[in-house]
């Protein structure tokens, strides 16, 4: 979400419902916090703090 106007900036599919809070850590050493979530699909997703999925 954009802090200034509340508009959605980006989204991604997790494959299932997320029940727990995401973990925040600099996973790739770029100085930005990344978010790691798990879902009912039994998969882990890491979203870059720069707003994109790492390759």
Protein backbone atom coordinates (compact mmCIF):
# COMPACT_ATOMS: atom_id res chain seq x y z
CA UNK A 1 0.00 0.00 0.00
CA UNK A 2 1.10 3.51 -0.72
CA UNK A 3 1.36 5.37 2.60
CA UNK A 4 0.29 8.69 1.09
CA UNK A 5 -3.00 7.59 -0.50
CA UNK A 6 -3.66 3.96 0.55
CA UNK A 7 -3.52 2.67 -3.03
CA UNK A 8 -2.28 -0.87 -3.69
CA UNK A 9 1.21 -0.74 -5.22
CA UNK A 10 1.75 -4.46 -5.91
CA UNK A 11 0.48 -7.91 -4.92
CA UNK A 12 1.49 -11.56 -5.27
CA UNK A 13 -0.14 -14.98 -4.92
CA UNK A 14 0.85 -17.13 -1.94
CA UNK A 15 -1.06 -20.23 -3.04
CA UNK A 16 -3.04 -20.30 0.21
CA UNK A 17 -4.14 -18.34 3.24
CA UNK A 18 -1.46 -16.68 5.39
CA UNK A 19 -2.07 -17.29 9.11
CA UNK A 20 1.05 -15.89 10.73
CA UNK A 21 2.81 -12.55 10.69
CA UNK A 22 5.59 -12.15 8.12
CA UNK A 23 9.22 -12.20 9.19
CA UNK A 24 11.29 -9.16 8.17
CA UNK A 25 15.02 -9.49 7.49
CA UNK A 26 17.58 -8.34 4.93
CA UNK A 27 17.71 -11.70 3.14
CA UNK A 28 19.84 -10.59 0.19
CA UNK A 29 22.20 -8.11 1.86
CA UNK A 30 21.01 -5.08 -0.12
CA UNK A 31 20.19 -2.98 2.96
CA UNK A 32 16.39 -3.28 2.51
CA UNK A 33 14.16 -5.40 4.76
CA UNK A 34 12.54 -8.27 2.87
CA UNK A 35 9.37 -10.09 3.97
CA UNK A 36 9.12 -13.86 4.33
CA UNK A 37 5.69 -15.51 4.62
CA UNK A 38 4.35 -19.05 4.72
CA UNK A 39 0.92 -20.16 3.61
CA UNK A 40 -1.43 -23.13 3.66
CA UNK A 41 0.13 -24.19 0.34
CA UNK A 42 3.15 -25.24 2.47
CA UNK A 43 5.42 -22.90 0.51
CA UNK A 44 7.66 -20.05 1.64
CA UNK A 45 7.65 -16.75 -0.24
CA UNK A 46 10.22 -13.99 0.12
CA UNK A 47 9.28 -10.53 -1.14
CA UNK A 48 12.02 -8.00 -1.72
CA UNK A 49 11.87 -4.81 0.31
CA UNK A 50 12.12 -3.04 -3.03
CA UNK A 51 8.63 -4.35 -3.89
CA UNK A 52 9.42 -7.27 -6.18
CA UNK A 53 9.84 -11.02 -5.95
CA UNK A 54 13.51 -12.07 -6.04
CA UNK A 55 14.51 -14.30 -8.94
